[in-house]
Protein backbone atom coordinates (compact mmCIF):
# COMPACT_ATOMS: atom_id res chain seq x y z
CA MET A 1 -9.52 -7.74 1.14
CA TYR A 2 -9.18 -8.30 -2.59
CA ILE A 3 -11.49 -10.69 -4.50
CA PRO A 4 -10.61 -10.94 -8.23
CA HIS A 5 -13.79 -12.57 -9.55
CA PRO A 6 -16.62 -12.37 -6.99
CA GLU A 7 -19.60 -14.66 -7.31
CA ASN A 8 -23.23 -13.60 -7.21
CA GLY A 9 -24.42 -13.53 -3.63
CA GLN A 10 -20.97 -14.21 -2.19
CA ILE A 11 -20.70 -13.96 1.61
CA ILE A 12 -17.63 -12.25 3.07
CA TYR A 13 -16.85 -12.83 6.75
CA LEU A 14 -15.24 -9.90 8.55
CA PRO A 15 -12.63 -10.36 11.32
CA THR A 16 -14.10 -10.59 14.80
CA GLU A 17 -11.80 -7.92 16.23
CA GLN A 18 -13.33 -5.37 13.83
CA ILE A 19 -17.04 -6.02 14.32
CA ILE A 20 -17.00 -6.05 18.14
CA SER A 21 -16.89 -2.24 17.97
CA GLU A 22 -18.61 0.24 15.70
CA TYR A 23 -17.27 -0.21 12.20
CA GLU A 24 -17.78 0.96 8.64
CA VAL A 25 -17.81 -1.34 5.61
CA SER A 26 -16.95 0.06 2.19
CA VAL A 27 -16.92 -1.89 -1.07
CA LYS A 28 -15.24 -0.76 -4.29
CA PHE A 29 -15.87 -2.31 -7.69
CA TRP A 30 -13.36 -2.28 -10.57
CA LYS A 31 -13.89 -3.13 -14.20
CA ASN A 32 -10.96 -3.27 -16.60
CA GLY A 33 -8.78 -1.51 -14.04
CA GLU A 34 -11.18 1.42 -13.54
CA GLN A 35 -13.29 1.95 -10.44
CA VAL A 36 -16.94 1.94 -11.47
CA SER A 37 -18.79 1.94 -8.16
CA GLU A 38 -18.36 2.40 -4.44
CA MET A 39 -20.74 1.90 -1.55
CA GLY A 40 -20.52 1.74 2.21
CA ILE A 41 -22.51 1.34 5.40
CA LYS A 42 -21.94 2.06 9.08
CA CYS A 43 -22.73 -0.81 11.43
CA SER A 44 -23.18 -0.98 15.17
CA ALA A 45 -20.99 -3.15 17.37
CA GLN A 46 -21.74 -6.85 17.70
CA LYS A 47 -21.63 -8.72 20.99
CA HIS A 48 -18.41 -10.64 21.09
CA CYS A 49 -19.71 -13.74 22.85
CA GLU A 50 -22.62 -14.16 20.43
CA LEU A 51 -20.15 -14.42 17.54
CA ILE A 52 -18.69 -17.69 18.86
CA GLU A 53 -20.60 -20.42 17.03
CA CYS A 54 -18.89 -23.61 18.13
CA THR A 55 -19.06 -26.20 20.87
CA VAL A 56 -15.35 -26.81 21.38
CA CYS A 57 -12.87 -24.55 19.54
CA ILE A 58 -9.92 -22.25 20.04
CA GLN A 59 -12.18 -19.18 20.26
CA MET A 60 -13.60 -20.51 23.51
CA LEU A 61 -10.09 -20.70 24.98
CA THR A 62 -9.21 -17.17 23.89
CA ASN A 63 -12.48 -15.75 25.30
CA PRO A 64 -12.90 -17.21 28.80
CA GLN A 65 -15.42 -14.52 29.82
CA CYS A 66 -18.03 -15.93 27.44
CA THR A 67 -18.15 -19.54 28.67
CA PRO A 68 -16.11 -19.70 31.88
CA LYS A 69 -17.13 -23.24 32.88
CA GLU A 70 -16.45 -24.78 29.48
CA TRP A 71 -13.22 -22.79 29.27
CA ILE A 72 -11.92 -24.24 32.54
CA ILE A 73 -12.85 -27.79 31.51
CA ILE A 74 -11.22 -27.51 28.08
CA LEU A 75 -8.12 -25.85 29.52
CA VAL A 76 -7.64 -28.52 32.19
CA LEU A 77 -8.19 -31.38 29.74
CA GLY A 78 -5.89 -29.82 27.18
CA LEU A 79 -3.10 -29.28 29.68
CA TYR A 80 -3.60 -32.82 31.05
CA PHE A 81 -3.20 -34.45 27.64
CA ILE A 82 -0.32 -32.20 26.62
CA LEU A 83 1.61 -32.90 29.79
CA GLY A 84 0.85 -36.61 29.52
CA PHE A 85 2.27 -36.61 26.02
CA LEU A 86 5.37 -34.73 27.17
CA ILE A 87 5.90 -37.18 30.05
CA MET A 88 5.63 -40.11 27.64
CA ILE A 89 8.23 -38.51 25.37
CA CYS A 90 10.52 -37.99 28.36
CA ARG A 91 10.21 -41.64 29.36
CA ILE A 92 11.04 -42.79 25.84
CA LEU A 93 14.07 -40.53 25.78
CA LYS A 94 15.10 -41.76 29.23
CA PHE A 95 15.07 -45.44 28.23
CA GLY A 96 16.71 -44.67 24.90
CA LEU A 97 19.53 -42.70 26.47
CA GLY A 98 19.94 -45.37 29.15
CA GLY A 99 20.34 -48.05 26.52
CA MET A 100 22.87 -46.00 24.61
CA LEU A 101 24.91 -45.38 27.79
CA CYS A 102 24.87 -49.09 28.59
CA ILE A 103 26.11 -49.94 25.11
CA MET A 104 28.86 -47.33 25.31
CA ARG A 105 29.92 -48.62 28.75
CA HIS A 106 30.31 -52.25 27.62
CA LYS A 107 31.25 -51.65 24.01
CA TRP A 108 34.54 -53.62 24.13
CA ARG A 109 32.89 -56.61 25.77
CA LEU A 110 30.13 -56.56 23.16
CA CYS A 111 32.71 -56.42 20.38
CA LYS A 112 34.42 -59.52 21.77
CA ILE A 113 31.14 -61.43 22.07
CA ILE A 114 30.11 -60.51 18.51
CA GLY A 115 33.53 -61.54 17.26
CA VAL A 116 33.28 -64.93 18.98
CA LEU A 117 29.76 -65.55 17.69
CA TYR A 118 30.66 -64.80 14.08
CA GLY A 119 34.07 -66.47 14.18
CA TYR A 120 36.11 -63.33 13.67
CA VAL A 121 37.87 -63.89 17.02
CA THR A 122 38.91 -67.34 18.32
CA PRO A 123 38.98 -67.34 22.11
CA PRO A 124 41.64 -69.41 23.91
CA PRO A 125 40.49 -72.69 25.48
CA ILE A 126 40.99 -71.44 29.03
CA LEU A 127 38.88 -68.32 28.32
CA SER A 128 36.11 -70.46 26.78
CA LEU A 129 36.02 -72.75 29.82
CA ARG A 130 35.94 -69.77 32.15
CA VAL A 131 33.02 -68.25 30.27
CA PHE A 132 31.15 -71.59 30.31
CA LEU A 133 31.53 -71.93 34.11
CA LYS A 134 30.36 -68.37 34.73
CA ARG A 135 27.27 -68.88 32.62
CA ARG A 136 26.33 -72.13 34.40
CA LYS A 137 26.75 -70.48 37.80
CA TRP A 138 24.61 -67.50 36.72
CA ARG A 139 21.82 -69.77 35.44
CA ARG A 140 21.67 -71.74 38.73
CA ALA A 141 21.49 -68.53 40.79
CA ARG A 142 18.71 -67.16 38.61
CA LYS A 143 16.71 -70.40 38.90
CA GLU A 144 16.98 -70.42 42.70
CA LYS A 145 15.98 -66.77 42.91
CA ALA A 146 12.90 -67.38 40.76
CA GLU A 147 11.80 -70.28 43.04
CA PHE A 148 12.13 -68.51 46.42
CA THR A 149 11.55 -64.77 45.61
CA GLU A 150 8.10 -63.42 46.49
CA PHE A 151 6.17 -61.46 43.89
CA LYS A 152 5.98 -57.74 44.58
CA PRO A 153 3.62 -55.60 42.54
CA PHE A 154 4.94 -52.63 40.61
CA THR A 155 4.50 -49.60 42.83
CA LYS A 156 6.75 -47.02 41.17
CA THR A 157 5.03 -43.67 40.65
CA TYR A 158 5.86 -40.63 38.60
CA LYS A 159 5.10 -37.06 39.42
CA THR A 160 2.56 -35.62 37.02
CA ASN A 161 1.69 -32.37 38.81
CA LEU A 162 1.26 -29.35 36.55
CA PRO A 163 4.04 -26.77 37.09
CA ARG A 164 2.85 -23.42 38.35
CA GLU A 165 4.86 -21.62 35.69
CA VAL A 166 2.85 -23.29 32.90
CA ILE A 167 -0.45 -22.16 34.43
CA LEU A 168 0.83 -18.61 34.96
CA ILE A 169 2.14 -18.24 31.38
CA THR A 170 -1.09 -19.65 29.92
CA LEU A 171 -3.27 -17.22 31.86
CA LEU A 172 -1.06 -14.27 30.95
CA LEU A 173 -1.22 -15.09 27.24
CA LEU A 174 -5.00 -15.35 27.35
CA ALA A 175 -5.27 -12.05 29.19
CA LEU A 176 -3.45 -9.99 26.53
CA PRO A 177 -5.67 -7.12 25.28
CA ILE A 178 -6.53 -6.53 21.66
CA GLN A 179 -6.27 -2.76 21.84
CA SER A 180 -3.57 -0.56 23.36
CA LEU A 181 -4.52 1.93 26.08
CA GLU A 182 -2.29 4.58 27.62
CA ILE A 183 -3.26 7.01 30.41
CA ILE A 184 -1.33 10.25 30.95
CA ASN A 185 -1.83 12.38 34.06
CA ALA A 186 -0.91 16.05 34.09
CA LYS A 187 1.25 17.48 36.87
CA ASP A 188 -0.07 20.13 39.25
CA GLU A 189 2.39 22.75 38.01
CA HIS A 190 1.11 22.26 34.43
CA CYS A 191 -2.54 22.99 35.27
CA ILE A 192 -4.11 26.45 35.62
CA VAL A 193 -7.56 27.20 37.08
CA ASN A 194 -9.40 30.37 36.00
CA LYS A 195 -12.02 32.35 37.91
CA GLU A 196 -14.86 30.18 36.67
CA GLY A 197 -13.15 27.09 38.03
CA GLN A 198 -12.18 25.77 34.64
CA ARG A 199 -8.92 23.84 34.68
CA THR A 200 -6.53 23.92 31.69
CA CYS A 201 -3.69 21.41 31.64
CA SER A 202 -0.71 21.14 29.31
CA TYR A 203 1.21 17.95 28.62
CA GLU A 204 4.86 17.30 27.84
CA ASN A 205 5.24 13.58 27.24
CA VAL A 206 6.89 11.14 24.87
CA LEU A 207 5.32 7.73 24.23
CA GLU A 208 6.33 4.76 22.12
CA LEU A 209 3.63 2.39 20.90
CA ASN A 210 4.24 -0.97 19.24
CA PHE A 211 1.86 -2.15 16.55
CA GLY A 212 1.62 -5.50 14.82
CA LEU A 213 -0.53 -5.64 11.70
CA GLN A 214 -1.74 -8.49 9.55
CA SER A 215 -2.47 -7.41 5.97
CA GLN A 216 -5.22 -4.74 6.05
CA ASN A 217 -6.55 -5.58 9.50
CA GLY A 218 -5.86 -2.34 11.37
CA GLN A 219 -5.13 -1.75 15.03
CA GLU A 220 -6.31 0.99 17.34
CA ALA A 221 -4.65 2.70 20.30
CA GLN A 222 -6.14 5.23 22.72
CA ILE A 223 -4.36 7.78 24.89
CA ILE A 224 -6.48 9.11 27.77
CA LEU A 225 -5.39 12.51 29.09
CA GLN A 226 -6.23 13.31 32.71
CA ASP A 227 -5.56 16.17 35.07
CA SER A 228 -3.78 15.85 38.39
CA GLY A 229 -7.04 14.69 40.01
CA ASN A 230 -7.45 11.76 37.57
CA ARG A 231 -10.31 13.53 35.80
CA PRO A 232 -10.42 13.15 32.01
CA THR A 233 -9.55 16.19 29.89
CA GLY A 234 -9.30 14.63 26.44
CA LYS A 235 -8.58 11.60 24.35
CA ILE A 236 -6.24 10.84 21.44
CA THR A 237 -7.19 7.92 19.21
CA LEU A 238 -4.75 6.42 16.73
CA LYS A 239 -6.12 4.00 14.16
CA ILE A 240 -3.33 2.28 12.25
CA ASN A 241 -4.72 1.27 8.87
CA ALA A 242 -1.77 -0.43 7.19
CA ILE A 243 1.95 -0.43 6.57
CA GLN A 244 2.28 -0.15 2.83
CA ALA A 245 5.09 0.10 0.30
CA VAL A 246 4.74 2.89 -2.28
CA CYS A 247 6.36 2.55 -5.70
CA PHE A 248 9.00 5.11 -6.65
CA ARG A 249 8.14 5.49 -10.32
CA SER A 250 10.79 5.65 -13.01
CA ALA A 251 9.29 6.57 -16.39
CA LYS A 252 10.58 4.73 -19.45
CA PHE A 253 8.63 6.35 -22.30
CA PHE A 254 5.23 7.66 -23.40
CA THR A 255 3.15 6.57 -26.37
CA ARG A 256 -0.33 6.52 -27.91
CA ASP A 257 -2.50 4.24 -29.97
CA PHE A 258 -1.81 4.89 -33.66
CA GLU A 259 -2.33 3.75 -37.23
CA LEU A 260 0.38 3.62 -39.91
CA GLY A 261 0.18 5.54 -43.17
CA ALA A 262 2.48 6.42 -46.11
CA ASN A 263 2.86 9.34 -48.56
CA SER A 264 5.14 9.47 -51.61
CA VAL A 265 6.04 11.80 -54.48
CA TYR A 266 7.85 11.07 -57.77
CA LEU A 267 10.21 13.76 -59.13
CA CYS A 268 12.44 13.97 -62.17
CA SER A 269 15.98 15.21 -61.92
CA GLY A 270 16.18 18.90 -61.04
CA GLU A 271 12.58 19.12 -59.81
CA GLY A 272 11.94 20.33 -56.24
CA SER A 273 13.91 18.38 -53.67
CA CYS A 274 15.40 16.09 -56.33
CA THR A 275 18.45 18.27 -56.81
CA SER A 276 21.03 15.50 -57.13
CA GLN A 277 21.41 11.78 -56.98
CA GLN A 278 23.44 12.18 -53.79
CA LYS A 279 20.50 14.00 -52.21
CA CYS A 280 18.34 10.93 -52.71
CA GLU A 281 20.98 8.53 -51.44
CA THR A 282 21.81 10.52 -48.29
CA LEU A 283 18.27 11.43 -47.22
CA GLY A 284 17.97 11.11 -43.42
CA VAL A 285 15.40 8.89 -41.73
CA ASN A 286 13.86 11.81 -39.81
CA GLU A 287 14.38 14.44 -42.53
CA SER A 288 11.35 16.40 -43.72
CA ILE A 289 10.23 16.37 -47.36
CA SER A 290 8.70 19.64 -48.55
CA GLU A 291 6.56 17.98 -51.25
CA ILE A 292 4.59 15.95 -48.67
CA PRO A 293 3.93 18.44 -45.82
CA LYS A 294 0.96 16.58 -44.34
CA SER A 295 3.11 13.92 -42.67
CA ASN A 296 6.24 15.90 -41.81
CA HIS A 297 4.94 16.93 -38.36
CA LEU A 298 4.06 13.34 -37.40
CA PRO A 299 6.51 10.72 -36.12
CA GLY A 300 7.77 8.61 -38.99
CA THR A 301 10.65 7.58 -41.24
CA SER A 302 11.68 9.14 -44.59
CA GLY A 303 13.32 7.48 -47.59
CA CYS A 304 14.19 7.91 -51.26
CA LEU A 305 14.53 5.52 -54.22
CA ASP A 306 15.73 5.91 -57.83
CA PRO A 307 13.28 3.80 -59.85
CA CYS A 308 14.81 4.61 -63.27
CA LYS A 309 18.54 4.30 -62.53
CA GLY A 310 19.86 6.20 -65.63
CA GLN A 311 17.15 5.29 -68.15
CA LEU A 312 16.57 7.95 -70.84
CA PHE A 313 12.80 7.46 -70.93
CA CYS A 314 11.23 6.46 -67.57
CA GLN A 315 7.76 7.21 -66.28
CA ASN A 316 7.20 10.67 -67.77
CA CYS A 317 10.81 11.69 -67.24
CA TYR A 318 12.79 12.18 -70.49
CA TYR A 319 16.55 12.46 -70.71
CA SER A 320 16.87 12.26 -66.88
CA SER A 321 20.10 10.84 -65.59
CA TYR A 322 18.38 10.13 -62.25
CA THR A 323 14.93 10.31 -60.65
CA CYS A 324 13.72 10.61 -57.03
CA LEU A 325 10.85 8.73 -55.42
CA PHE A 326 10.50 10.35 -51.99
CA PHE A 327 8.30 8.63 -49.41
CA ARG A 328 7.49 8.93 -45.72
CA CYS A 329 5.94 6.25 -43.48
CA PHE A 330 4.23 7.89 -40.50
CA ALA A 331 2.09 7.12 -37.43
CA GLU A 332 -1.19 8.92 -36.91
CA PRO A 333 -2.85 8.98 -33.44
CA LYS A 334 -6.25 7.29 -33.15
CA SER A 335 -7.22 8.33 -29.61
CA LYS A 336 -6.58 11.08 -27.09
CA GLU A 337 -5.29 8.76 -24.35
CA ILE A 338 -1.61 9.11 -23.47
CA TYR A 339 0.04 6.00 -22.08
CA GLU A 340 3.05 5.91 -19.80
CA ILE A 341 5.25 2.87 -19.37
CA PHE A 342 7.23 2.95 -16.14
CA GLU A 343 8.89 0.61 -13.66
CA CYS A 344 9.25 0.36 -9.88
CA PRO A 345 12.96 -0.05 -9.11
CA GLU A 346 12.31 0.36 -5.39
CA PHE A 347 9.53 0.82 -2.85
CA GLY A 348 9.27 3.23 0.08
CA LEU A 349 7.50 2.26 3.30
CA GLU A 350 4.63 4.32 4.69
CA LEU A 351 2.56 4.01 7.84
CA LYS A 352 -1.01 4.99 7.08
CA LEU A 353 -3.03 6.09 10.11
CA ASN A 354 -5.94 8.24 11.28
CA ILE A 355 -5.52 10.44 14.34
CA THR A 356 -8.46 11.84 16.31
CA ILE A 357 -8.08 14.44 19.07
CA GLU A 358 -11.18 14.89 21.20
CA ASN A 359 -11.88 17.10 24.19
CA ALA A 360 -14.96 18.45 25.89
CA GLU A 361 -15.56 21.13 23.26
CA GLN A 362 -14.43 19.90 19.84
CA LYS A 363 -13.00 17.08 17.82
CA PHE A 364 -10.20 17.04 15.22
CA GLU A 365 -9.45 14.30 12.72
CA LYS A 366 -6.72 13.85 10.13
CA GLU A 367 -5.38 11.09 7.90
CA MET A 368 -1.59 10.91 7.92
CA ARG A 369 1.16 9.00 6.13
CA LEU A 370 4.40 8.57 8.03
CA ARG A 371 7.71 7.55 6.51
CA PRO A 372 10.46 5.99 8.62
CA GLY A 373 12.46 8.65 10.45
CA PHE A 374 10.32 11.61 9.33
CA THR A 375 8.19 13.61 11.78
CA GLU A 376 4.69 14.93 11.06
CA ASN A 377 2.92 17.57 13.19
CA PHE A 378 -0.75 17.84 14.02
CA LYS A 379 -2.15 20.16 16.69
CA GLU A 380 1.13 20.32 18.69
CA ILE A 381 1.46 16.55 18.50
CA LYS A 382 4.53 15.16 16.76
CA LEU A 383 4.34 11.67 15.29
CA THR A 384 7.43 9.75 14.17
CA ALA A 385 7.59 6.21 12.82
CA THR A 386 10.91 5.17 14.35
CA SER A 387 10.82 1.63 12.97
CA MET A 388 8.92 -0.43 10.40
CA THR A 389 9.38 -4.16 9.95
CA VAL A 390 8.09 -5.87 6.81
CA PRO A 391 8.91 -9.16 5.09
CA PRO A 392 11.19 -8.98 2.04
CA ILE A 393 9.37 -7.27 -0.83
CA PRO A 394 10.21 -9.04 -4.10
CA ALA A 395 11.13 -6.92 -7.08
CA LEU A 396 8.27 -6.35 -9.47
CA GLY A 397 10.43 -7.32 -12.43
CA ARG A 398 7.94 -6.05 -15.02
CA SER A 399 6.92 -2.72 -16.45
CA ILE A 400 3.57 -1.09 -15.75
CA LEU A 401 1.26 0.57 -18.27
CA THR A 402 -1.05 3.39 -17.23
CA ASP A 403 -3.37 5.87 -18.91
CA GLY A 404 -3.49 8.06 -15.80
CA ASN A 405 -6.38 6.23 -14.14
CA ARG A 406 -5.88 2.53 -14.85
CA PHE A 407 -2.76 0.45 -14.25
CA ALA A 408 -1.75 -2.93 -15.71
CA ILE A 409 1.37 -5.10 -15.52
CA ILE A 410 2.69 -5.84 -19.02
CA THR A 411 5.08 -8.43 -20.42
CA LYS A 412 8.30 -7.75 -22.30
CA GLU A 413 6.58 -8.48 -25.62
CA GLN A 414 3.82 -5.99 -24.86
CA GLU A 415 6.40 -3.38 -23.90
CA ASN A 416 8.28 -3.86 -27.17
CA SER A 417 5.04 -3.56 -29.10
CA ALA A 418 4.22 -0.31 -27.30
CA LYS A 419 7.72 1.02 -28.05
CA ARG A 420 7.25 0.90 -31.84
CA VAL A 421 6.46 4.60 -31.54
CA PHE A 422 7.54 6.34 -28.33
CA CYS A 423 7.98 9.88 -27.04
CA PRO A 424 10.52 11.20 -24.50
CA ASN A 425 7.98 13.08 -22.33
CA ILE A 426 4.27 13.61 -21.89
CA ASN A 427 4.23 16.98 -23.69
CA GLU A 428 5.63 15.52 -26.90
CA ALA A 429 3.23 12.59 -26.57
CA ALA A 430 0.32 15.04 -26.38
CA LYS A 431 1.52 16.75 -29.58
CA PHE A 432 2.60 13.43 -31.14
CA SER A 433 5.16 15.42 -33.10
CA SER A 434 8.12 14.39 -35.18
CA LYS A 435 10.26 14.44 -32.02
CA CYS A 436 8.65 11.12 -31.15
CA ILE A 437 10.63 8.23 -32.54
CA MET A 438 9.21 5.49 -34.74
CA LYS A 439 11.15 2.30 -35.41
CA LYS A 440 11.98 1.84 -39.07
CA GLU A 441 11.33 -1.90 -39.16
CA ILE A 442 7.58 -1.51 -38.58
CA CYS A 443 7.22 0.08 -42.04
CA LYS A 444 7.23 -2.65 -44.66
CA CYS A 445 7.08 -0.70 -47.95
CA GLU A 446 7.46 -1.69 -51.58
CA LYS A 447 7.61 0.23 -54.91
CA ARG A 448 4.73 0.04 -57.34
CA LYS A 449 5.50 2.07 -60.47
CA ASN A 450 5.96 5.62 -59.29
CA LYS A 451 4.38 5.13 -55.84
CA ILE A 452 5.33 3.56 -52.52
CA MET A 453 2.83 1.26 -50.80
CA CYS A 454 3.37 0.37 -47.14
CA GLY A 455 1.55 -2.45 -45.39
CA LYS A 456 -0.38 -1.37 -42.30
CA GLN A 457 0.55 -2.83 -38.91
CA ASN A 458 -1.76 -1.17 -36.47
CA GLY A 459 -2.59 -3.63 -33.73
CA PRO A 460 -2.68 -4.53 -31.01
CA TYR A 461 -3.96 -1.35 -29.37
CA LEU A 462 -2.78 -0.57 -25.83
CA LYS A 463 -6.33 0.00 -24.61
CA ASP A 464 -6.97 -3.72 -25.09
CA ILE A 465 -4.41 -4.54 -22.37
CA PHE A 466 -6.77 -3.15 -19.73
CA MET A 467 -9.25 -5.86 -20.67
CA GLY A 468 -6.85 -8.59 -19.48
CA GLU A 469 -6.14 -10.22 -16.13
CA LYS A 470 -3.06 -8.19 -15.14
CA VAL A 471 -5.02 -5.07 -14.29
CA LEU A 472 -4.67 -3.62 -10.81
CA PRO A 473 -5.77 -4.38 -8.15
CA LEU A 474 -4.28 -7.88 -8.14
CA VAL A 475 -2.05 -10.19 -6.11
CA HIS A 476 1.47 -10.47 -7.57
CA ASN A 477 4.30 -12.46 -5.93
CA GLY A 478 2.33 -12.64 -2.68
CA LEU A 479 1.72 -8.87 -2.54
CA LEU A 480 -1.54 -7.02 -2.95
CA LEU A 481 -0.91 -4.35 -5.60
CA LYS A 482 -3.46 -1.60 -5.99
CA ASN A 483 -3.88 1.93 -7.30
CA GLU A 484 -4.28 4.51 -4.57
CA ASN A 485 -4.42 8.17 -5.57
CA LYS A 486 -2.65 7.34 -8.85
CA GLU A 487 0.17 5.59 -6.99
CA ILE A 488 1.17 1.93 -6.99
CA VAL A 489 0.85 0.59 -3.46
CA ALA A 490 1.95 -2.86 -2.27
CA ILE A 491 0.57 -4.18 1.03
CA PRO A 492 2.63 -7.02 2.57
CA GLU A 493 1.48 -9.49 5.22
CA LEU A 494 2.52 -9.54 8.91
CA THR A 495 4.10 -6.14 9.47
CA ALA A 496 5.13 -4.29 12.63
CA ALA A 497 5.90 -0.68 13.51
CA ILE A 498 7.08 1.45 16.44
CA LEU A 499 5.38 4.84 16.64
CA GLN A 500 6.77 7.67 18.77
CA ILE A 501 4.25 10.26 19.98
CA ARG A 502 5.51 13.53 21.42
CA LEU A 503 3.10 15.88 23.17
CA ALA A 504 4.81 19.26 22.92
CA GLY A 505 2.76 21.61 25.08
CA VAL A 506 -0.65 20.21 24.17
CA SER A 507 -3.37 21.96 26.19
CA PHE A 508 -6.75 20.54 27.17
CA LYS A 509 -9.49 22.06 29.25
CA ALA A 510 -10.93 20.02 32.07
CA GLN A 511 -14.47 20.25 33.36
CA ILE A 512 -15.67 23.24 35.40
CA GLU A 513 -14.94 22.58 39.06
CA LEU A 514 -18.30 24.05 40.12
CA ASN A 515 -20.23 22.07 37.57
CA THR A 516 -22.39 19.29 38.93
CA CYS A 517 -23.51 16.22 37.07
CA LYS A 518 -26.61 14.38 38.20
CA ILE A 519 -27.12 10.76 37.18
CA THR A 520 -30.58 9.27 37.54
CA PRO A 521 -30.81 5.52 36.79
CA TYR A 522 -34.08 4.26 35.40
CA GLU A 523 -33.33 0.73 34.19
CA ILE A 524 -30.81 -2.00 35.03
CA VAL A 525 -31.10 -5.23 33.04
CA GLY A 526 -29.00 -8.36 33.60
CA CYS A 527 -26.26 -9.05 36.08
CA TYR A 528 -22.49 -8.72 36.03
CA GLY A 529 -21.97 -12.46 36.67
CA CYS A 530 -24.14 -13.41 33.70
CA GLU A 531 -22.65 -14.32 30.35
CA LYS A 532 -24.25 -11.38 28.55
CA GLY A 533 -23.31 -8.87 31.25
CA ALA A 534 -25.48 -6.01 32.50
CA THR A 535 -27.03 -2.97 30.80
CA PHE A 536 -27.33 0.25 32.81
CA LYS A 537 -29.56 3.01 31.42
CA PHE A 538 -29.51 6.39 33.11
CA THR A 539 -30.23 10.07 32.59
CA MET A 540 -27.32 12.50 32.96
CA SER A 541 -27.84 16.23 33.44
CA TYR A 542 -25.55 19.10 34.49
CA ARG A 543 -25.68 22.82 35.16
CA PHE A 544 -23.39 24.46 32.61
CA ARG A 545 -22.19 23.03 29.30
CA ALA A 546 -21.39 19.79 27.52
CA ASP A 547 -18.48 18.09 29.20
CA PHE A 548 -16.70 14.86 29.98
CA SER A 549 -18.07 13.04 32.98
CA HIS A 550 -16.38 10.42 35.11
CA PHE A 551 -18.34 8.00 37.26
CA ASN A 552 -17.36 4.86 39.13
CA MET A 553 -19.64 1.93 40.00
CA PRO A 554 -17.90 -0.28 42.58
CA PHE A 555 -20.43 -3.07 42.22
CA PHE A 556 -19.40 -3.41 38.56
CA TYR A 557 -15.66 -2.99 39.26
CA GLN A 558 -15.43 -0.71 36.25
CA CYS A 559 -15.25 2.99 35.44
CA ARG A 560 -16.70 4.89 32.53
CA HIS A 561 -15.79 8.19 30.81
CA VAL A 562 -18.93 9.63 29.23
CA ARG A 563 -19.29 12.76 27.12
CA ALA A 564 -22.61 14.57 27.20
CA ASN A 565 -23.68 16.60 24.17
CA SER A 566 -26.72 18.31 25.68
CA GLN A 567 -27.75 19.45 29.14
CA GLN A 568 -29.87 16.33 29.52
CA GLN A 569 -29.47 13.12 27.61
CA ASN A 570 -30.18 9.42 27.95
CA THR A 571 -27.10 7.23 28.06
CA LEU A 572 -26.65 3.47 27.69
CA SER A 573 -23.64 1.70 29.20
CA THR A 574 -22.93 -2.05 29.07
CA PHE A 575 -20.77 -3.91 31.60
């Protein structure tokens, strides 16, 4: 979540699917594109039903276990009104289509009647008399029928029963889980039991998991590994953080903040570098001048003028056919920061996830980045992102300025201003040598007697750009752009991925067969039929070592896998 200008005391509401389990909140603060502070806190899980603060809302429909009575009433009323509306639409369509069919069936007769009424068609006298007689006969029959026909009330009924398919689809949609859970059982031939009764099982499986992500709201999947007797041996947890697009940088040039300066020297004919008039006229822009060595190693432009132009007596030069006024306009660095201007011609997709492998003895964690089609290995587990689906990522269209830590999007005018003096690579920018190129038009010089005076054009400095509004992180063209490990990362909305997990000979040790686990309950609070559920507190002890334990409570219709860390510990389980 990115907030550009937070207010004092601003409240941020976290998604419900994140706070119903143990979660960690971290906050990072940026100032002028540089991270200045970071803090975080670990929070315990919140009860899902207590988070619903409404009388009638969609959350009640999506969580029927919290308010089952209200859920049934709202569902029945909603389906009743929806089906009533659909039936009304069907009736309107039925009468409308019936009228159109009637018009199409008698279209020629209607055309004749309209033509007679408006005088476009003149019927023959015999036809007019025949029509008149038919109408009189029809009116008499209608009058007699109205006098002798008994009134019968309208008794037509319509079926409004709810289809079974609608109820089934609705209940299935509401029963979809938030998290993904897979259970893998080992085969008997893949399990070995040692003398102590400890069972070691290896797994050879390939799974494909589908993930759908919205912005930075992650998704979690668990893979429970069991032996042939359905006893747990380990657990693999995959937490998908985000599908992000990483910028493939293409450097344009490097530069630094600088100030302009100028040096000049006046020479008579035959003195020093003033060997000939042609020498003055053909002096190169980047050529060094030995009489002004202080500025030769800096980026700049050189020039030469003949202020006398054949005068016999001119500014301390007597009988000189020509004179030379050498000058050099140069740029001098004013800070140690080196700036790079680059662009992002394309982005590469990455699936950012955390994998946790846990068994009875130890726990392994690793953060991984998967690219489409590439396989990463971790503890004999191979992960491959076979597919990633993202919305179209618009081209950035602008260059980016960075000093190595901060990043900012710059305009074309700012890029041209930064390119007044530029270097081909970062090494030359660090030296700021004469191999860096300075544009000649930034030096506006004029002759004053035997000296050259150049007007200074120093600003604006590039460091001032990081004080603006285009400093990362920011939202640009609907994408969240941020700096992550000195990389430009774009996070799109509504992404999906297919992750292939291959267990290539992964081994896990099951519990000792001779080990016994004793569970002593000492408190049961609540009931399973209540809205808040039941809390079961018990003491679990065993003979040998810390291990996974599996217990089943039929009266709760649920099972639990519990890991004990000491030979006797108190455990809390909620149902």
